[in-house]
Amino acid sequence: MGVLQAGTGRNVVPDCALMKVETRGVSNQVNDDIYQQALRTIAGAAAMYGVEHEVKLMGGARSCTPSQPWVDFIHQQAVALGIFNSVIDTKPQAAGSEDATYMLERVQQHGGQASYVIFGCELAAGHHNAKFDFDEAVMATAVQTLATLALNQAQFGGAR
């Protein structure tokens, strides 16, 4: 449950409610299964209480596996810069937002190489938090790295 808005008073049964929810899974199949289960649960709860319900899909998230040859190239270029304490190739959990994963998936469907790149730094609070903030000094490192990738991409030996 992300958001639940209902009623106008503590002692009044609300005449309507709004729920905003999101499903996520470790793979597209798992997420699709969870989404379908959520739809069945909502419909079942509405039927149990004899109320109407409406579901509007506002967006979705996909999972996407990065192209390993491109990840290897990014790693090699980042290490060669000599500006990082560490370069991590993979994370066990999904990284990226739905817009990025849709783009990665689309690039790969057309024969391209794709990956999501994260530049780590200290955070004031986690993502999706009102107190979220990051150290802007990391932006110079990110720009330098991305510029290096753009300038050296002709050296990339993987499939395009």
N, C-alpha and C. Protein backbone atom coordinates (compact mmCIF):
# COMPACT_ATOMS: atom_id res chain seq x y z
N MET A 1 0.85 -1.17 0.00
CA MET A 1 0.00 0.00 0.00
C MET A 1 0.89 1.22 0.00
N GLY A 2 0.68 2.07 -0.92
CA GLY A 2 1.42 3.32 -0.96
C GLY A 2 0.64 4.45 -0.32
N VAL A 3 -0.62 4.65 -0.75
CA VAL A 3 -1.45 5.73 -0.24
C VAL A 3 -2.87 5.18 -0.05
N LEU A 4 -3.49 5.56 1.05
CA LEU A 4 -4.90 5.25 1.28
C LEU A 4 -5.56 6.53 1.78
N GLN A 5 -6.53 7.01 1.01
CA GLN A 5 -7.28 8.21 1.39
C GLN A 5 -8.75 7.82 1.45
N ALA A 6 -9.36 8.05 2.62
CA ALA A 6 -10.77 7.70 2.77
C ALA A 6 -11.38 8.49 3.91
N GLY A 7 -12.61 8.91 3.70
CA GLY A 7 -13.37 9.53 4.77
C GLY A 7 -12.99 10.96 5.10
N THR A 8 -13.85 11.54 5.97
CA THR A 8 -13.65 12.93 6.38
C THR A 8 -13.66 13.07 7.89
N GLY A 9 -13.95 12.00 8.58
CA GLY A 9 -13.98 12.08 10.05
C GLY A 9 -13.73 10.72 10.66
N ARG A 10 -13.32 10.72 11.93
CA ARG A 10 -12.99 9.47 12.60
C ARG A 10 -14.22 8.64 12.93
N ASN A 11 -15.39 9.26 12.94
CA ASN A 11 -16.61 8.55 13.32
C ASN A 11 -17.62 8.48 12.18
N VAL A 12 -17.15 8.57 10.93
CA VAL A 12 -18.02 8.55 9.76
C VAL A 12 -17.51 7.48 8.80
N VAL A 13 -18.40 6.59 8.38
CA VAL A 13 -18.02 5.58 7.40
C VAL A 13 -17.85 6.30 6.06
N PRO A 14 -16.67 6.18 5.45
CA PRO A 14 -16.44 6.92 4.19
C PRO A 14 -17.32 6.39 3.06
N ASP A 15 -17.72 7.31 2.17
CA ASP A 15 -18.52 6.90 1.02
C ASP A 15 -17.65 6.49 -0.16
N CYS A 16 -16.36 6.79 -0.09
CA CYS A 16 -15.43 6.37 -1.14
C CYS A 16 -14.02 6.35 -0.56
N ALA A 17 -13.14 5.68 -1.29
CA ALA A 17 -11.74 5.60 -0.87
C ALA A 17 -10.87 5.56 -2.12
N LEU A 18 -9.65 6.01 -1.96
CA LEU A 18 -8.67 5.98 -3.04
C LEU A 18 -7.42 5.28 -2.51
N MET A 19 -7.01 4.24 -3.22
CA MET A 19 -5.76 3.55 -2.89
C MET A 19 -4.80 3.72 -4.05
N LYS A 20 -3.56 4.02 -3.74
CA LYS A 20 -2.51 4.08 -4.74
C LYS A 20 -1.49 3.01 -4.35
N VAL A 21 -1.33 2.04 -5.22
CA VAL A 21 -0.44 0.92 -4.92
C VAL A 21 0.50 0.68 -6.10
N GLU A 22 1.55 -0.04 -5.84
CA GLU A 22 2.51 -0.39 -6.87
C GLU A 22 3.00 -1.80 -6.60
N THR A 23 3.15 -2.57 -7.65
CA THR A 23 3.72 -3.91 -7.51
C THR A 23 5.10 -3.90 -8.13
N ARG A 24 5.99 -4.70 -7.54
CA ARG A 24 7.33 -4.87 -8.10
C ARG A 24 7.77 -6.30 -7.84
N GLY A 25 8.46 -6.86 -8.80
CA GLY A 25 8.97 -8.22 -8.66
C GLY A 25 10.39 -8.31 -9.18
N VAL A 26 11.07 -9.37 -8.84
CA VAL A 26 12.47 -9.54 -9.24
C VAL A 26 12.60 -9.81 -10.73
N SER A 27 11.51 -10.14 -11.39
CA SER A 27 11.50 -10.33 -12.84
C SER A 27 10.17 -9.82 -13.37
N ASN A 28 10.09 -9.66 -14.68
CA ASN A 28 8.84 -9.21 -15.28
C ASN A 28 7.72 -10.21 -15.01
N GLN A 29 8.04 -11.50 -15.07
CA GLN A 29 7.03 -12.54 -14.82
C GLN A 29 6.51 -12.46 -13.39
N VAL A 30 7.42 -12.34 -12.41
CA VAL A 30 7.00 -12.25 -11.02
C VAL A 30 6.14 -11.01 -10.81
N ASN A 31 6.57 -9.88 -11.37
CA ASN A 31 5.78 -8.65 -11.22
C ASN A 31 4.41 -8.80 -11.86
N ASP A 32 4.34 -9.39 -13.05
CA ASP A 32 3.06 -9.59 -13.70
C ASP A 32 2.14 -10.47 -12.84
N ASP A 33 2.70 -11.52 -12.24
CA ASP A 33 1.91 -12.40 -11.37
C ASP A 33 1.41 -11.65 -10.14
N ILE A 34 2.27 -10.84 -9.52
CA ILE A 34 1.88 -10.06 -8.34
C ILE A 34 0.79 -9.06 -8.71
N TYR A 35 0.94 -8.41 -9.86
CA TYR A 35 -0.06 -7.44 -10.32
C TYR A 35 -1.42 -8.12 -10.51
N GLN A 36 -1.42 -9.28 -11.15
CA GLN A 36 -2.69 -10.00 -11.36
C GLN A 36 -3.31 -10.41 -10.02
N GLN A 37 -2.48 -10.83 -9.07
CA GLN A 37 -2.99 -11.19 -7.74
C GLN A 37 -3.57 -9.96 -7.04
N ALA A 38 -2.92 -8.81 -7.19
CA ALA A 38 -3.43 -7.58 -6.59
C ALA A 38 -4.80 -7.23 -7.18
N LEU A 39 -4.95 -7.38 -8.49
CA LEU A 39 -6.25 -7.11 -9.13
C LEU A 39 -7.33 -8.05 -8.58
N ARG A 40 -6.98 -9.34 -8.43
CA ARG A 40 -7.95 -10.30 -7.90
C ARG A 40 -8.31 -9.97 -6.44
N THR A 41 -7.33 -9.54 -5.66
CA THR A 41 -7.57 -9.20 -4.26
C THR A 41 -8.48 -7.99 -4.14
N ILE A 42 -8.23 -6.97 -4.94
CA ILE A 42 -9.06 -5.77 -4.92
C ILE A 42 -10.50 -6.11 -5.33
N ALA A 43 -10.63 -6.88 -6.42
CA ALA A 43 -11.97 -7.27 -6.87
C ALA A 43 -12.68 -8.12 -5.82
N GLY A 44 -11.95 -9.01 -5.18
CA GLY A 44 -12.54 -9.86 -4.15
C GLY A 44 -12.99 -9.08 -2.93
N ALA A 45 -12.16 -8.12 -2.51
CA ALA A 45 -12.53 -7.29 -1.36
C ALA A 45 -13.76 -6.44 -1.68
N ALA A 46 -13.82 -5.90 -2.89
CA ALA A 46 -14.98 -5.10 -3.28
C ALA A 46 -16.24 -5.98 -3.30
N ALA A 47 -16.13 -7.18 -3.87
CA ALA A 47 -17.28 -8.09 -3.93
C ALA A 47 -17.72 -8.50 -2.53
N MET A 48 -16.77 -8.72 -1.64
CA MET A 48 -17.08 -9.15 -0.28
C MET A 48 -17.92 -8.10 0.45
N TYR A 49 -17.67 -6.83 0.17
CA TYR A 49 -18.41 -5.76 0.85
C TYR A 49 -19.51 -5.15 -0.01
N GLY A 50 -19.70 -5.68 -1.22
CA GLY A 50 -20.77 -5.20 -2.08
C GLY A 50 -20.57 -3.78 -2.56
N VAL A 51 -19.33 -3.42 -2.84
CA VAL A 51 -19.05 -2.06 -3.32
C VAL A 51 -18.44 -2.12 -4.72
N GLU A 52 -18.54 -1.01 -5.41
CA GLU A 52 -17.93 -0.91 -6.73
C GLU A 52 -16.45 -0.58 -6.59
N HIS A 53 -15.69 -0.98 -7.60
CA HIS A 53 -14.28 -0.61 -7.63
C HIS A 53 -13.86 -0.33 -9.06
N GLU A 54 -12.84 0.47 -9.20
CA GLU A 54 -12.28 0.82 -10.51
C GLU A 54 -10.77 0.83 -10.36
N VAL A 55 -10.09 0.26 -11.34
CA VAL A 55 -8.62 0.23 -11.33
C VAL A 55 -8.14 1.00 -12.54
N LYS A 56 -7.23 1.94 -12.30
CA LYS A 56 -6.59 2.69 -13.38
C LYS A 56 -5.09 2.43 -13.30
N LEU A 57 -4.53 1.89 -14.35
CA LEU A 57 -3.09 1.67 -14.39
C LEU A 57 -2.41 2.99 -14.73
N MET A 58 -1.58 3.47 -13.84
CA MET A 58 -0.92 4.77 -14.00
C MET A 58 0.50 4.64 -14.55
N GLY A 59 1.05 3.46 -14.53
CA GLY A 59 2.41 3.24 -15.01
C GLY A 59 2.82 1.84 -14.66
N GLY A 60 4.04 1.53 -14.97
CA GLY A 60 4.55 0.19 -14.66
C GLY A 60 6.05 0.20 -14.69
N ALA A 61 6.61 -0.81 -14.10
CA ALA A 61 8.06 -0.94 -14.08
C ALA A 61 8.44 -2.30 -14.66
N ARG A 62 9.49 -2.34 -15.40
CA ARG A 62 9.99 -3.58 -15.99
C ARG A 62 11.38 -3.84 -15.41
N SER A 63 11.76 -5.08 -15.41
CA SER A 63 13.14 -5.40 -15.06
C SER A 63 13.91 -5.60 -16.36
N CYS A 64 15.18 -5.38 -16.32
CA CYS A 64 15.99 -5.50 -17.52
C CYS A 64 17.41 -5.89 -17.11
N THR A 65 17.97 -6.83 -17.83
CA THR A 65 19.33 -7.27 -17.56
C THR A 65 20.29 -6.48 -18.44
N PRO A 66 21.31 -5.86 -17.85
CA PRO A 66 22.26 -5.10 -18.67
C PRO A 66 23.05 -6.00 -19.61
N SER A 67 23.54 -5.43 -20.69
CA SER A 67 24.36 -6.14 -21.67
C SER A 67 25.77 -6.30 -21.11
N GLN A 68 26.17 -7.55 -20.85
CA GLN A 68 27.45 -7.79 -20.19
C GLN A 68 28.66 -7.21 -20.93
N PRO A 69 28.74 -7.31 -22.27
CA PRO A 69 29.90 -6.69 -22.94
C PRO A 69 30.00 -5.18 -22.69
N TRP A 70 28.85 -4.51 -22.65
CA TRP A 70 28.83 -3.07 -22.40
C TRP A 70 29.19 -2.78 -20.95
N VAL A 71 28.71 -3.60 -20.02
CA VAL A 71 29.08 -3.46 -18.61
C VAL A 71 30.59 -3.60 -18.45
N ASP A 72 31.16 -4.59 -19.13
CA ASP A 72 32.61 -4.80 -19.06
C ASP A 72 33.37 -3.59 -19.59
N PHE A 73 32.88 -3.00 -20.68
CA PHE A 73 33.52 -1.82 -21.25
C PHE A 73 33.42 -0.64 -20.30
N ILE A 74 32.25 -0.43 -19.71
CA ILE A 74 32.07 0.66 -18.74
C ILE A 74 33.04 0.47 -17.58
N HIS A 75 33.15 -0.76 -17.10
CA HIS A 75 34.06 -1.07 -15.98
C HIS A 75 35.50 -0.71 -16.36
N GLN A 76 35.92 -1.15 -17.52
CA GLN A 76 37.30 -0.90 -17.98
C GLN A 76 37.57 0.60 -18.09
N GLN A 77 36.62 1.34 -18.63
CA GLN A 77 36.79 2.78 -18.79
C GLN A 77 36.81 3.49 -17.43
N ALA A 78 35.95 3.06 -16.51
CA ALA A 78 35.89 3.68 -15.18
C ALA A 78 37.18 3.43 -14.40
N VAL A 79 37.69 2.20 -14.47
CA VAL A 79 38.95 1.89 -13.78
C VAL A 79 40.09 2.70 -14.37
N ALA A 80 40.12 2.82 -15.70
CA ALA A 80 41.20 3.56 -16.38
C ALA A 80 41.22 5.04 -15.98
N LEU A 81 40.06 5.59 -15.60
CA LEU A 81 40.04 6.99 -15.17
C LEU A 81 40.83 7.19 -13.88
N GLY A 82 40.87 6.18 -13.03
CA GLY A 82 41.63 6.26 -11.78
C GLY A 82 41.04 7.22 -10.75
N ILE A 83 39.75 7.48 -10.80
CA ILE A 83 39.13 8.45 -9.89
C ILE A 83 38.17 7.81 -8.89
N PHE A 84 37.98 6.50 -8.98
CA PHE A 84 37.01 5.82 -8.13
C PHE A 84 37.70 4.98 -7.06
N ASN A 85 37.08 4.94 -5.87
CA ASN A 85 37.55 4.04 -4.81
C ASN A 85 37.24 2.60 -5.17
N SER A 86 36.11 2.38 -5.83
CA SER A 86 35.73 1.04 -6.28
C SER A 86 34.79 1.17 -7.47
N VAL A 87 34.77 0.12 -8.27
CA VAL A 87 33.85 0.04 -9.41
C VAL A 87 33.13 -1.30 -9.27
N ILE A 88 31.83 -1.24 -9.10
CA ILE A 88 31.02 -2.45 -8.89
C ILE A 88 30.24 -2.72 -10.17
N ASP A 89 30.35 -3.94 -10.66
CA ASP A 89 29.70 -4.30 -11.92
C ASP A 89 28.24 -4.67 -11.78
N THR A 90 27.88 -5.29 -10.67
CA THR A 90 26.50 -5.75 -10.53
C THR A 90 26.00 -5.50 -9.12
N LYS A 91 24.68 -5.43 -9.02
CA LYS A 91 24.00 -5.35 -7.73
C LYS A 91 22.97 -6.47 -7.70
N PRO A 92 22.79 -7.11 -6.55
CA PRO A 92 21.82 -8.21 -6.51
C PRO A 92 20.37 -7.74 -6.72
N GLN A 93 20.04 -6.53 -6.32
CA GLN A 93 18.69 -6.04 -6.52
C GLN A 93 18.62 -5.20 -7.80
N ALA A 94 17.41 -5.01 -8.26
CA ALA A 94 17.22 -4.23 -9.47
C ALA A 94 17.68 -2.80 -9.25
N ALA A 95 18.25 -2.23 -10.27
CA ALA A 95 18.66 -0.83 -10.22
C ALA A 95 18.05 -0.12 -11.41
N GLY A 96 17.56 1.05 -11.16
CA GLY A 96 17.00 1.84 -12.25
C GLY A 96 15.51 2.02 -12.07
N SER A 97 15.01 2.98 -12.75
CA SER A 97 13.59 3.28 -12.68
C SER A 97 12.91 2.78 -13.93
N GLU A 98 11.58 2.82 -13.91
CA GLU A 98 10.83 2.26 -15.02
C GLU A 98 11.18 2.92 -16.35
N ASP A 99 11.45 4.23 -16.37
CA ASP A 99 11.80 4.86 -17.64
C ASP A 99 13.12 4.31 -18.17
N ALA A 100 14.09 4.11 -17.29
CA ALA A 100 15.38 3.59 -17.72
C ALA A 100 15.27 2.13 -18.17
N THR A 101 14.51 1.31 -17.44
CA THR A 101 14.43 -0.10 -17.82
C THR A 101 13.67 -0.27 -19.13
N TYR A 102 12.66 0.55 -19.37
CA TYR A 102 11.97 0.49 -20.67
C TYR A 102 12.94 0.86 -21.79
N MET A 103 13.76 1.88 -21.58
CA MET A 103 14.72 2.29 -22.59
C MET A 103 15.76 1.19 -22.83
N LEU A 104 16.31 0.60 -21.74
CA LEU A 104 17.28 -0.47 -21.88
C LEU A 104 16.69 -1.63 -22.67
N GLU A 105 15.49 -2.02 -22.31
CA GLU A 105 14.82 -3.13 -22.98
C GLU A 105 14.64 -2.84 -24.47
N ARG A 106 14.23 -1.63 -24.78
CA ARG A 106 14.00 -1.24 -26.18
C ARG A 106 15.30 -1.23 -26.99
N VAL A 107 16.37 -0.68 -26.40
CA VAL A 107 17.68 -0.66 -27.07
C VAL A 107 18.12 -2.09 -27.36
N GLN A 108 17.99 -2.99 -26.39
CA GLN A 108 18.40 -4.37 -26.57
C GLN A 108 17.54 -5.08 -27.61
N GLN A 109 16.25 -4.78 -27.67
CA GLN A 109 15.36 -5.38 -28.67
C GLN A 109 15.80 -5.01 -30.09
N HIS A 110 16.48 -3.88 -30.21
CA HIS A 110 16.95 -3.43 -31.53
C HIS A 110 18.43 -3.74 -31.74
N GLY A 111 18.98 -4.67 -30.96
CA GLY A 111 20.35 -5.14 -31.16
C GLY A 111 21.42 -4.30 -30.49
N GLY A 112 21.04 -3.32 -29.69
CA GLY A 112 22.02 -2.47 -29.02
C GLY A 112 22.45 -3.00 -27.66
N GLN A 113 23.48 -2.40 -27.13
CA GLN A 113 24.00 -2.72 -25.81
C GLN A 113 23.49 -1.65 -24.84
N ALA A 114 23.12 -2.06 -23.63
CA ALA A 114 22.56 -1.10 -22.69
C ALA A 114 22.90 -1.49 -21.25
N SER A 115 23.02 -0.48 -20.42
CA SER A 115 23.25 -0.69 -19.00
C SER A 115 22.80 0.54 -18.23
N TYR A 116 22.53 0.35 -16.98
CA TYR A 116 22.20 1.44 -16.07
C TYR A 116 23.46 1.71 -15.25
N VAL A 117 23.81 2.96 -15.06
CA VAL A 117 25.02 3.32 -14.32
C VAL A 117 24.62 4.18 -13.13
N ILE A 118 25.12 3.82 -11.96
CA ILE A 118 24.86 4.58 -10.74
C ILE A 118 26.19 5.11 -10.21
N PHE A 119 26.21 6.37 -9.83
CA PHE A 119 27.38 6.97 -9.20
C PHE A 119 27.06 7.15 -7.73
N GLY A 120 27.70 6.37 -6.90
CA GLY A 120 27.38 6.37 -5.48
C GLY A 120 27.91 7.58 -4.74
N CYS A 121 27.18 7.98 -3.71
CA CYS A 121 27.60 9.04 -2.81
C CYS A 121 26.72 8.96 -1.56
N GLU A 122 27.08 9.72 -0.56
CA GLU A 122 26.28 9.75 0.66
C GLU A 122 24.93 10.40 0.37
N LEU A 123 23.88 9.83 0.96
CA LEU A 123 22.53 10.36 0.80
C LEU A 123 22.02 10.86 2.15
N ALA A 124 21.31 11.97 2.14
CA ALA A 124 20.70 12.48 3.36
C ALA A 124 19.56 11.57 3.80
N ALA A 125 18.87 10.99 2.84
CA ALA A 125 17.78 10.04 3.09
C ALA A 125 17.62 9.22 1.82
N GLY A 126 16.93 8.10 1.93
CA GLY A 126 16.75 7.22 0.78
C GLY A 126 15.87 7.83 -0.29
N HIS A 127 15.84 7.18 -1.44
CA HIS A 127 14.99 7.63 -2.54
C HIS A 127 13.54 7.62 -2.11
N HIS A 128 12.71 8.39 -2.78
CA HIS A 128 11.27 8.50 -2.50
C HIS A 128 11.03 8.96 -1.06
N ASN A 129 11.87 9.85 -0.58
CA ASN A 129 11.78 10.38 0.78
C ASN A 129 11.85 11.90 0.68
N ALA A 130 11.04 12.59 1.47
CA ALA A 130 11.00 14.05 1.43
C ALA A 130 12.35 14.67 1.78
N LYS A 131 13.20 13.97 2.52
CA LYS A 131 14.50 14.51 2.92
C LYS A 131 15.64 14.03 2.01
N PHE A 132 15.28 13.40 0.88
CA PHE A 132 16.31 12.93 -0.05
C PHE A 132 17.18 14.08 -0.51
N ASP A 133 18.47 13.87 -0.49
CA ASP A 133 19.45 14.83 -1.01
C ASP A 133 20.73 14.05 -1.23
N PHE A 134 21.54 14.50 -2.17
CA PHE A 134 22.81 13.84 -2.43
C PHE A 134 23.91 14.88 -2.55
N ASP A 135 25.13 14.41 -2.48
CA ASP A 135 26.30 15.28 -2.58
C ASP A 135 26.53 15.63 -4.05
N GLU A 136 26.28 16.88 -4.42
CA GLU A 136 26.41 17.30 -5.83
C GLU A 136 27.82 17.17 -6.37
N ALA A 137 28.82 17.03 -5.50
CA ALA A 137 30.20 16.87 -5.98
C ALA A 137 30.34 15.64 -6.87
N VAL A 138 29.47 14.65 -6.69
CA VAL A 138 29.54 13.44 -7.51
C VAL A 138 29.19 13.74 -8.97
N MET A 139 28.52 14.85 -9.22
CA MET A 139 28.12 15.17 -10.60
C MET A 139 29.31 15.37 -11.52
N ALA A 140 30.37 15.98 -11.02
CA ALA A 140 31.57 16.17 -11.85
C ALA A 140 32.17 14.83 -12.24
N THR A 141 32.21 13.90 -11.30
CA THR A 141 32.72 12.56 -11.58
C THR A 141 31.83 11.85 -12.59
N ALA A 142 30.52 11.99 -12.43
CA ALA A 142 29.59 11.36 -13.36
C ALA A 142 29.75 11.91 -14.76
N VAL A 143 29.84 13.23 -14.89
CA VAL A 143 30.00 13.85 -16.21
C VAL A 143 31.31 13.41 -16.85
N GLN A 144 32.38 13.38 -16.07
CA GLN A 144 33.69 12.95 -16.59
C GLN A 144 33.61 11.51 -17.10
N THR A 145 32.97 10.66 -16.34
CA THR A 145 32.86 9.25 -16.73
C THR A 145 32.00 9.07 -17.97
N LEU A 146 30.84 9.71 -17.99
CA LEU A 146 29.96 9.59 -19.15
C LEU A 146 30.59 10.19 -20.40
N ALA A 147 31.31 11.29 -20.24
CA ALA A 147 32.02 11.89 -21.39
C ALA A 147 33.09 10.94 -21.89
N THR A 148 33.80 10.29 -20.99
CA THR A 148 34.83 9.31 -21.38
C THR A 148 34.20 8.17 -22.16
N LEU A 149 33.06 7.67 -21.69
CA LEU A 149 32.37 6.60 -22.41
C LEU A 149 31.97 7.06 -23.81
N ALA A 150 31.44 8.27 -23.91
CA ALA A 150 31.03 8.79 -25.22
C ALA A 150 32.22 8.95 -26.15
N LEU A 151 33.31 9.50 -25.62
CA LEU A 151 34.49 9.73 -26.46
C LEU A 151 35.18 8.44 -26.87
N ASN A 152 35.10 7.41 -26.03
CA ASN A 152 35.82 6.16 -26.31
C ASN A 152 34.92 5.05 -26.81
N GLN A 153 33.65 5.31 -27.05
CA GLN A 153 32.74 4.25 -27.45
C GLN A 153 33.15 3.58 -28.76
N ALA A 154 33.90 4.25 -29.60
CA ALA A 154 34.37 3.63 -30.84
C ALA A 154 35.31 2.45 -30.54
N GLN A 155 35.93 2.44 -29.35
CA GLN A 155 36.81 1.34 -28.95
C GLN A 155 36.02 0.13 -28.49
N PHE A 156 34.72 0.30 -28.25
CA PHE A 156 33.89 -0.79 -27.74
C PHE A 156 33.83 -1.90 -28.76
N GLY A 157 34.18 -3.11 -28.35
CA GLY A 157 34.24 -4.24 -29.27
C GLY A 157 32.99 -5.07 -29.30
N GLY A 158 31.98 -4.79 -28.47
CA GLY A 158 30.78 -5.61 -28.43
C GLY A 158 29.84 -5.33 -29.60
N ALA A 159 28.83 -6.15 -29.74
CA ALA A 159 27.84 -5.96 -30.80
C ALA A 159 27.09 -4.65 -30.57
N ARG A 160 26.65 -4.05 -31.63
CA ARG A 160 25.93 -2.76 -31.52
C ARG A 160 24.46 -2.97 -31.71
